[in-house]
Amino acid sequence: MTNAPRPSPPLAPDADCQPLVLTLPESFSPDGLGPLREVAAQLPDASELSPGTWLAVCDAPENKPKGWGRWWHRDQPPRVHLAARCTALLLRGYTGVCADAQGLAYGRVPDATDARSS
């Protein structure tokens, strides 16, 4: 287990954030742009979380081979392109969708301030 830093949404760096790592079937498209329904189905609907909560979506667990193993190991787990993760967040009702330099996709559960600004 690595001591990864806690996810921090770029639009609200001090906000609490729930991380979510996607798990996909081996048949998922190798380009990372497979069916969005398979991605969106793993995200909680925005109405299931507290208003203002951020969700950080990682495309796959980090289990890359080390050293020379990375040259011989060709069976990488399926990955989900950042654009697909952001689109899935929008489909599930999240707002403020954005990404950070580490490739995490973020979405925020709408709250009362969102209703006033639209």
N, C-alpha and C. Protein backbone atom coordinates (compact mmCIF):
# COMPACT_ATOMS: atom_id res chain seq x y z
N MET A 1 0.85 -1.18 0.00
CA MET A 1 0.00 0.00 0.00
C MET A 1 0.89 1.24 0.00
N THR A 2 0.59 2.16 -0.89
CA THR A 2 1.38 3.38 -0.95
C THR A 2 0.71 4.46 -0.13
N ASN A 3 1.49 5.43 0.28
CA ASN A 3 0.96 6.57 1.02
C ASN A 3 0.67 7.70 0.05
N ALA A 4 -0.34 7.50 -0.78
CA ALA A 4 -0.70 8.50 -1.77
C ALA A 4 -1.33 9.70 -1.06
N PRO A 5 -1.09 10.90 -1.58
CA PRO A 5 -1.72 12.07 -0.98
C PRO A 5 -3.23 12.01 -1.16
N ARG A 6 -3.94 12.61 -0.24
CA ARG A 6 -5.39 12.62 -0.33
C ARG A 6 -5.80 13.48 -1.52
N PRO A 7 -6.82 13.04 -2.30
CA PRO A 7 -7.26 13.83 -3.44
C PRO A 7 -7.70 15.22 -3.01
N SER A 8 -7.37 16.20 -3.82
CA SER A 8 -7.72 17.58 -3.54
C SER A 8 -8.24 18.24 -4.81
N PRO A 9 -9.54 18.52 -4.88
CA PRO A 9 -10.10 19.09 -6.09
C PRO A 9 -9.45 20.44 -6.44
N PRO A 10 -9.05 20.64 -7.70
CA PRO A 10 -8.42 21.90 -8.09
C PRO A 10 -9.30 23.12 -7.86
N LEU A 11 -10.62 22.97 -7.97
CA LEU A 11 -11.51 24.12 -7.80
C LEU A 11 -11.82 24.41 -6.34
N ALA A 12 -11.48 23.50 -5.44
CA ALA A 12 -11.72 23.68 -4.01
C ALA A 12 -10.68 22.87 -3.24
N PRO A 13 -9.43 23.34 -3.20
CA PRO A 13 -8.33 22.55 -2.63
C PRO A 13 -8.51 22.08 -1.19
N ASP A 14 -9.30 22.77 -0.39
CA ASP A 14 -9.46 22.37 1.01
C ASP A 14 -10.72 21.54 1.26
N ALA A 15 -11.45 21.23 0.20
CA ALA A 15 -12.71 20.49 0.35
C ALA A 15 -12.46 19.02 0.65
N ASP A 16 -13.42 18.42 1.36
CA ASP A 16 -13.38 16.97 1.57
C ASP A 16 -13.72 16.30 0.25
N CYS A 17 -13.06 15.18 0.02
CA CYS A 17 -13.21 14.51 -1.26
C CYS A 17 -13.22 12.99 -1.04
N GLN A 18 -14.14 12.31 -1.70
CA GLN A 18 -14.21 10.85 -1.62
C GLN A 18 -13.54 10.26 -2.86
N PRO A 19 -12.50 9.44 -2.68
CA PRO A 19 -11.86 8.81 -3.85
C PRO A 19 -12.63 7.57 -4.30
N LEU A 20 -12.59 7.32 -5.60
CA LEU A 20 -13.23 6.13 -6.17
C LEU A 20 -12.32 5.60 -7.27
N VAL A 21 -11.95 4.32 -7.15
CA VAL A 21 -11.13 3.67 -8.18
C VAL A 21 -12.05 2.77 -8.99
N LEU A 22 -12.06 2.96 -10.29
CA LEU A 22 -12.90 2.17 -11.18
C LEU A 22 -12.33 0.77 -11.36
N THR A 23 -13.20 -0.19 -11.51
CA THR A 23 -12.80 -1.54 -11.89
C THR A 23 -13.59 -1.89 -13.15
N LEU A 24 -12.88 -2.35 -14.16
CA LEU A 24 -13.51 -2.59 -15.45
C LEU A 24 -13.23 -4.00 -15.94
N PRO A 25 -14.09 -4.51 -16.80
CA PRO A 25 -13.83 -5.83 -17.36
C PRO A 25 -12.64 -5.78 -18.31
N GLU A 26 -11.97 -6.91 -18.47
CA GLU A 26 -10.82 -6.98 -19.38
C GLU A 26 -11.22 -6.61 -20.80
N SER A 27 -12.49 -6.74 -21.14
CA SER A 27 -12.95 -6.45 -22.49
C SER A 27 -13.12 -4.96 -22.76
N PHE A 28 -12.90 -4.11 -21.74
CA PHE A 28 -13.05 -2.67 -21.93
C PHE A 28 -12.07 -2.20 -23.00
N SER A 29 -12.50 -1.26 -23.81
CA SER A 29 -11.71 -0.78 -24.94
C SER A 29 -10.30 -0.37 -24.53
N PRO A 30 -9.26 -0.85 -25.25
CA PRO A 30 -7.88 -0.51 -24.88
C PRO A 30 -7.54 0.97 -25.05
N ASP A 31 -8.34 1.71 -25.82
CA ASP A 31 -8.06 3.14 -25.98
C ASP A 31 -8.60 3.96 -24.81
N GLY A 32 -9.31 3.31 -23.88
CA GLY A 32 -9.83 4.00 -22.71
C GLY A 32 -11.13 4.73 -22.94
N LEU A 33 -11.68 4.59 -24.15
CA LEU A 33 -12.92 5.30 -24.48
C LEU A 33 -14.06 4.32 -24.72
N GLY A 34 -14.18 3.35 -23.85
CA GLY A 34 -15.23 2.34 -23.96
C GLY A 34 -16.60 2.91 -23.64
N PRO A 35 -17.60 2.04 -23.54
CA PRO A 35 -18.96 2.49 -23.26
C PRO A 35 -19.06 3.27 -21.95
N LEU A 36 -19.60 4.46 -22.04
CA LEU A 36 -19.72 5.30 -20.84
C LEU A 36 -20.63 4.69 -19.81
N ARG A 37 -21.58 3.87 -20.22
CA ARG A 37 -22.50 3.28 -19.23
C ARG A 37 -21.74 2.37 -18.25
N GLU A 38 -20.65 1.73 -18.71
CA GLU A 38 -19.85 0.88 -17.82
C GLU A 38 -19.09 1.72 -16.80
N VAL A 39 -18.71 2.92 -17.20
CA VAL A 39 -18.00 3.83 -16.29
C VAL A 39 -19.00 4.48 -15.34
N ALA A 40 -20.07 5.06 -15.90
CA ALA A 40 -21.05 5.78 -15.10
C ALA A 40 -21.74 4.86 -14.08
N ALA A 41 -21.91 3.60 -14.41
CA ALA A 41 -22.58 2.67 -13.51
C ALA A 41 -21.82 2.49 -12.20
N GLN A 42 -20.54 2.75 -12.19
CA GLN A 42 -19.74 2.59 -10.97
C GLN A 42 -19.72 3.84 -10.10
N LEU A 43 -20.21 4.95 -10.62
CA LEU A 43 -20.23 6.19 -9.86
C LEU A 43 -21.53 6.29 -9.08
N PRO A 44 -21.46 6.72 -7.83
CA PRO A 44 -22.72 6.95 -7.11
C PRO A 44 -23.44 8.12 -7.76
N ASP A 45 -24.76 8.05 -7.82
CA ASP A 45 -25.52 9.17 -8.33
C ASP A 45 -25.30 10.36 -7.40
N ALA A 46 -25.25 11.55 -7.97
CA ALA A 46 -24.99 12.74 -7.16
C ALA A 46 -26.02 12.89 -6.04
N SER A 47 -27.24 12.43 -6.26
CA SER A 47 -28.28 12.56 -5.23
C SER A 47 -28.05 11.63 -4.04
N GLU A 48 -27.13 10.67 -4.16
CA GLU A 48 -26.85 9.72 -3.07
C GLU A 48 -25.82 10.26 -2.07
N LEU A 49 -25.16 11.36 -2.41
CA LEU A 49 -24.13 11.94 -1.53
C LEU A 49 -24.60 13.29 -1.00
N SER A 50 -23.94 13.77 0.04
CA SER A 50 -24.29 15.06 0.63
C SER A 50 -23.97 16.20 -0.32
N PRO A 51 -24.82 17.24 -0.35
CA PRO A 51 -24.55 18.38 -1.20
C PRO A 51 -23.17 18.99 -0.92
N GLY A 52 -22.47 19.35 -1.97
CA GLY A 52 -21.15 19.95 -1.83
C GLY A 52 -20.01 18.95 -1.76
N THR A 53 -20.31 17.65 -1.67
CA THR A 53 -19.28 16.61 -1.61
C THR A 53 -18.58 16.49 -2.96
N TRP A 54 -17.27 16.34 -2.93
CA TRP A 54 -16.49 16.10 -4.15
C TRP A 54 -16.19 14.61 -4.28
N LEU A 55 -16.17 14.13 -5.51
CA LEU A 55 -15.81 12.75 -5.81
C LEU A 55 -14.61 12.78 -6.75
N ALA A 56 -13.55 12.05 -6.39
CA ALA A 56 -12.35 11.95 -7.23
C ALA A 56 -12.34 10.57 -7.87
N VAL A 57 -12.28 10.52 -9.20
CA VAL A 57 -12.37 9.25 -9.91
C VAL A 57 -11.02 8.93 -10.57
N CYS A 58 -10.43 7.82 -10.14
CA CYS A 58 -9.17 7.33 -10.71
C CYS A 58 -9.52 6.24 -11.71
N ASP A 59 -8.74 6.14 -12.80
CA ASP A 59 -9.11 5.22 -13.86
C ASP A 59 -8.84 3.76 -13.55
N ALA A 60 -7.82 3.42 -12.81
CA ALA A 60 -7.52 2.03 -12.50
C ALA A 60 -6.51 1.99 -11.37
N PRO A 61 -6.47 0.90 -10.61
CA PRO A 61 -5.46 0.81 -9.55
C PRO A 61 -4.07 0.81 -10.15
N GLU A 62 -3.14 1.37 -9.42
CA GLU A 62 -1.74 1.40 -9.87
C GLU A 62 -1.06 0.10 -9.50
N ASN A 63 -0.84 -0.74 -10.48
CA ASN A 63 -0.10 -1.98 -10.25
C ASN A 63 0.81 -2.22 -11.45
N LYS A 64 1.57 -1.21 -11.78
CA LYS A 64 2.49 -1.31 -12.90
C LYS A 64 3.70 -2.15 -12.50
N PRO A 65 4.17 -2.99 -13.41
CA PRO A 65 5.37 -3.77 -13.11
C PRO A 65 6.59 -2.87 -12.94
N LYS A 66 7.49 -3.29 -12.09
CA LYS A 66 8.71 -2.52 -11.83
C LYS A 66 9.89 -3.08 -12.63
N GLY A 67 10.89 -2.25 -12.83
CA GLY A 67 12.12 -2.69 -13.49
C GLY A 67 11.90 -3.26 -14.88
N TRP A 68 12.60 -4.36 -15.14
CA TRP A 68 12.51 -4.99 -16.47
C TRP A 68 11.14 -5.59 -16.73
N GLY A 69 10.39 -5.87 -15.69
CA GLY A 69 9.07 -6.46 -15.86
C GLY A 69 8.14 -5.63 -16.71
N ARG A 70 8.33 -4.31 -16.70
CA ARG A 70 7.44 -3.48 -17.50
C ARG A 70 7.63 -3.70 -18.99
N TRP A 71 8.77 -4.22 -19.41
CA TRP A 71 9.00 -4.47 -20.84
C TRP A 71 8.36 -5.78 -21.28
N TRP A 72 8.26 -6.74 -20.39
CA TRP A 72 7.71 -8.04 -20.75
C TRP A 72 6.23 -8.18 -20.40
N HIS A 73 5.79 -7.38 -19.48
CA HIS A 73 4.41 -7.47 -19.02
C HIS A 73 3.51 -6.66 -19.94
N ARG A 74 2.73 -7.33 -20.76
CA ARG A 74 1.88 -6.64 -21.72
C ARG A 74 0.41 -6.58 -21.30
N ASP A 75 0.03 -7.38 -20.32
CA ASP A 75 -1.37 -7.43 -19.91
C ASP A 75 -1.65 -6.39 -18.84
N GLN A 76 -1.78 -5.16 -19.27
CA GLN A 76 -2.09 -4.08 -18.34
C GLN A 76 -3.59 -4.08 -18.06
N PRO A 77 -4.00 -3.67 -16.86
CA PRO A 77 -5.44 -3.58 -16.59
C PRO A 77 -6.06 -2.52 -17.49
N PRO A 78 -7.34 -2.64 -17.79
CA PRO A 78 -7.98 -1.63 -18.62
C PRO A 78 -7.93 -0.26 -17.95
N ARG A 79 -7.79 0.76 -18.75
CA ARG A 79 -7.74 2.14 -18.25
C ARG A 79 -8.94 2.90 -18.82
N VAL A 80 -9.33 3.95 -18.15
CA VAL A 80 -10.42 4.80 -18.63
C VAL A 80 -9.87 6.19 -18.88
N HIS A 81 -10.02 6.67 -20.10
CA HIS A 81 -9.52 7.98 -20.48
C HIS A 81 -10.14 9.06 -19.59
N LEU A 82 -9.39 10.10 -19.31
CA LEU A 82 -9.85 11.19 -18.47
C LEU A 82 -11.14 11.81 -19.00
N ALA A 83 -11.24 11.98 -20.31
CA ALA A 83 -12.45 12.57 -20.90
C ALA A 83 -13.68 11.69 -20.61
N ALA A 84 -13.51 10.37 -20.64
CA ALA A 84 -14.62 9.47 -20.36
C ALA A 84 -15.04 9.56 -18.90
N ARG A 85 -14.06 9.69 -17.99
CA ARG A 85 -14.40 9.81 -16.56
C ARG A 85 -15.12 11.12 -16.28
N CYS A 86 -14.67 12.21 -16.90
CA CYS A 86 -15.34 13.51 -16.71
C CYS A 86 -16.76 13.47 -17.27
N THR A 87 -16.93 12.87 -18.43
CA THR A 87 -18.26 12.77 -19.03
C THR A 87 -19.19 11.92 -18.16
N ALA A 88 -18.67 10.84 -17.60
CA ALA A 88 -19.48 9.99 -16.70
C ALA A 88 -19.93 10.78 -15.47
N LEU A 89 -19.06 11.63 -14.94
CA LEU A 89 -19.45 12.47 -13.80
C LEU A 89 -20.61 13.39 -14.19
N LEU A 90 -20.53 13.99 -15.36
CA LEU A 90 -21.61 14.86 -15.82
C LEU A 90 -22.91 14.07 -15.99
N LEU A 91 -22.81 12.87 -16.55
CA LEU A 91 -24.00 12.04 -16.75
C LEU A 91 -24.67 11.66 -15.44
N ARG A 92 -23.90 11.54 -14.37
CA ARG A 92 -24.45 11.16 -13.06
C ARG A 92 -24.90 12.37 -12.23
N GLY A 93 -24.81 13.59 -12.81
CA GLY A 93 -25.36 14.76 -12.14
C GLY A 93 -24.38 15.61 -11.36
N TYR A 94 -23.09 15.39 -11.51
CA TYR A 94 -22.09 16.18 -10.80
C TYR A 94 -21.84 17.51 -11.52
N THR A 95 -21.43 18.52 -10.75
CA THR A 95 -21.10 19.83 -11.31
C THR A 95 -19.64 20.13 -11.04
N GLY A 96 -19.14 21.23 -11.57
CA GLY A 96 -17.76 21.64 -11.31
C GLY A 96 -16.76 20.59 -11.77
N VAL A 97 -17.09 19.84 -12.79
CA VAL A 97 -16.23 18.75 -13.24
C VAL A 97 -14.90 19.32 -13.73
N CYS A 98 -13.80 18.73 -13.24
CA CYS A 98 -12.46 19.21 -13.57
C CYS A 98 -11.47 18.06 -13.37
N ALA A 99 -10.20 18.34 -13.61
CA ALA A 99 -9.15 17.32 -13.45
C ALA A 99 -7.92 17.98 -12.87
N ASP A 100 -7.02 17.15 -12.30
CA ASP A 100 -5.77 17.68 -11.78
C ASP A 100 -4.60 17.15 -12.60
N ALA A 101 -3.41 17.57 -12.25
CA ALA A 101 -2.20 17.18 -13.00
C ALA A 101 -1.89 15.69 -12.87
N GLN A 102 -2.43 15.01 -11.86
CA GLN A 102 -2.21 13.58 -11.68
C GLN A 102 -3.20 12.74 -12.48
N GLY A 103 -4.13 13.37 -13.16
CA GLY A 103 -5.09 12.64 -13.99
C GLY A 103 -6.33 12.17 -13.27
N LEU A 104 -6.62 12.72 -12.10
CA LEU A 104 -7.87 12.40 -11.41
C LEU A 104 -8.98 13.28 -11.96
N ALA A 105 -10.16 12.70 -12.13
CA ALA A 105 -11.34 13.46 -12.54
C ALA A 105 -12.14 13.78 -11.29
N TYR A 106 -12.63 15.00 -11.18
CA TYR A 106 -13.37 15.44 -10.01
C TYR A 106 -14.75 15.95 -10.41
N GLY A 107 -15.73 15.70 -9.55
CA GLY A 107 -17.06 16.26 -9.72
C GLY A 107 -17.62 16.57 -8.35
N ARG A 108 -18.46 17.58 -8.28
CA ARG A 108 -19.04 18.02 -7.00
C ARG A 108 -20.55 17.82 -7.04
N VAL A 109 -21.09 17.35 -5.92
CA VAL A 109 -22.53 17.20 -5.79
C VAL A 109 -23.13 18.60 -5.71
N PRO A 110 -24.13 18.89 -6.55
CA PRO A 110 -24.75 20.22 -6.50
C PRO A 110 -25.32 20.53 -5.12
N ASP A 111 -25.30 21.81 -4.77
CA ASP A 111 -25.92 22.24 -3.53
C ASP A 111 -26.81 23.44 -3.82
N ALA A 112 -27.32 24.08 -2.78
CA ALA A 112 -28.27 25.18 -2.95
C ALA A 112 -27.67 26.34 -3.74
N THR A 113 -26.37 26.58 -3.63
CA THR A 113 -25.76 27.70 -4.36
C THR A 113 -25.77 27.42 -5.86
N ASP A 114 -25.72 26.16 -6.28
CA ASP A 114 -25.79 25.82 -7.71
C ASP A 114 -27.15 26.18 -8.28
N ALA A 115 -28.22 25.94 -7.50
CA ALA A 115 -29.58 26.23 -7.98
C ALA A 115 -29.78 27.72 -8.17
N ARG A 116 -29.16 28.55 -7.31
CA ARG A 116 -29.31 30.00 -7.43
C ARG A 116 -28.53 30.58 -8.59
N SER A 117 -27.40 29.94 -8.95
CA SER A 117 -26.56 30.52 -9.99
C SER A 117 -26.96 30.09 -11.40
N SER A 118 -27.92 29.14 -11.51
CA SER A 118 -28.29 28.71 -12.86
C SER A 118 -29.48 29.44 -13.41
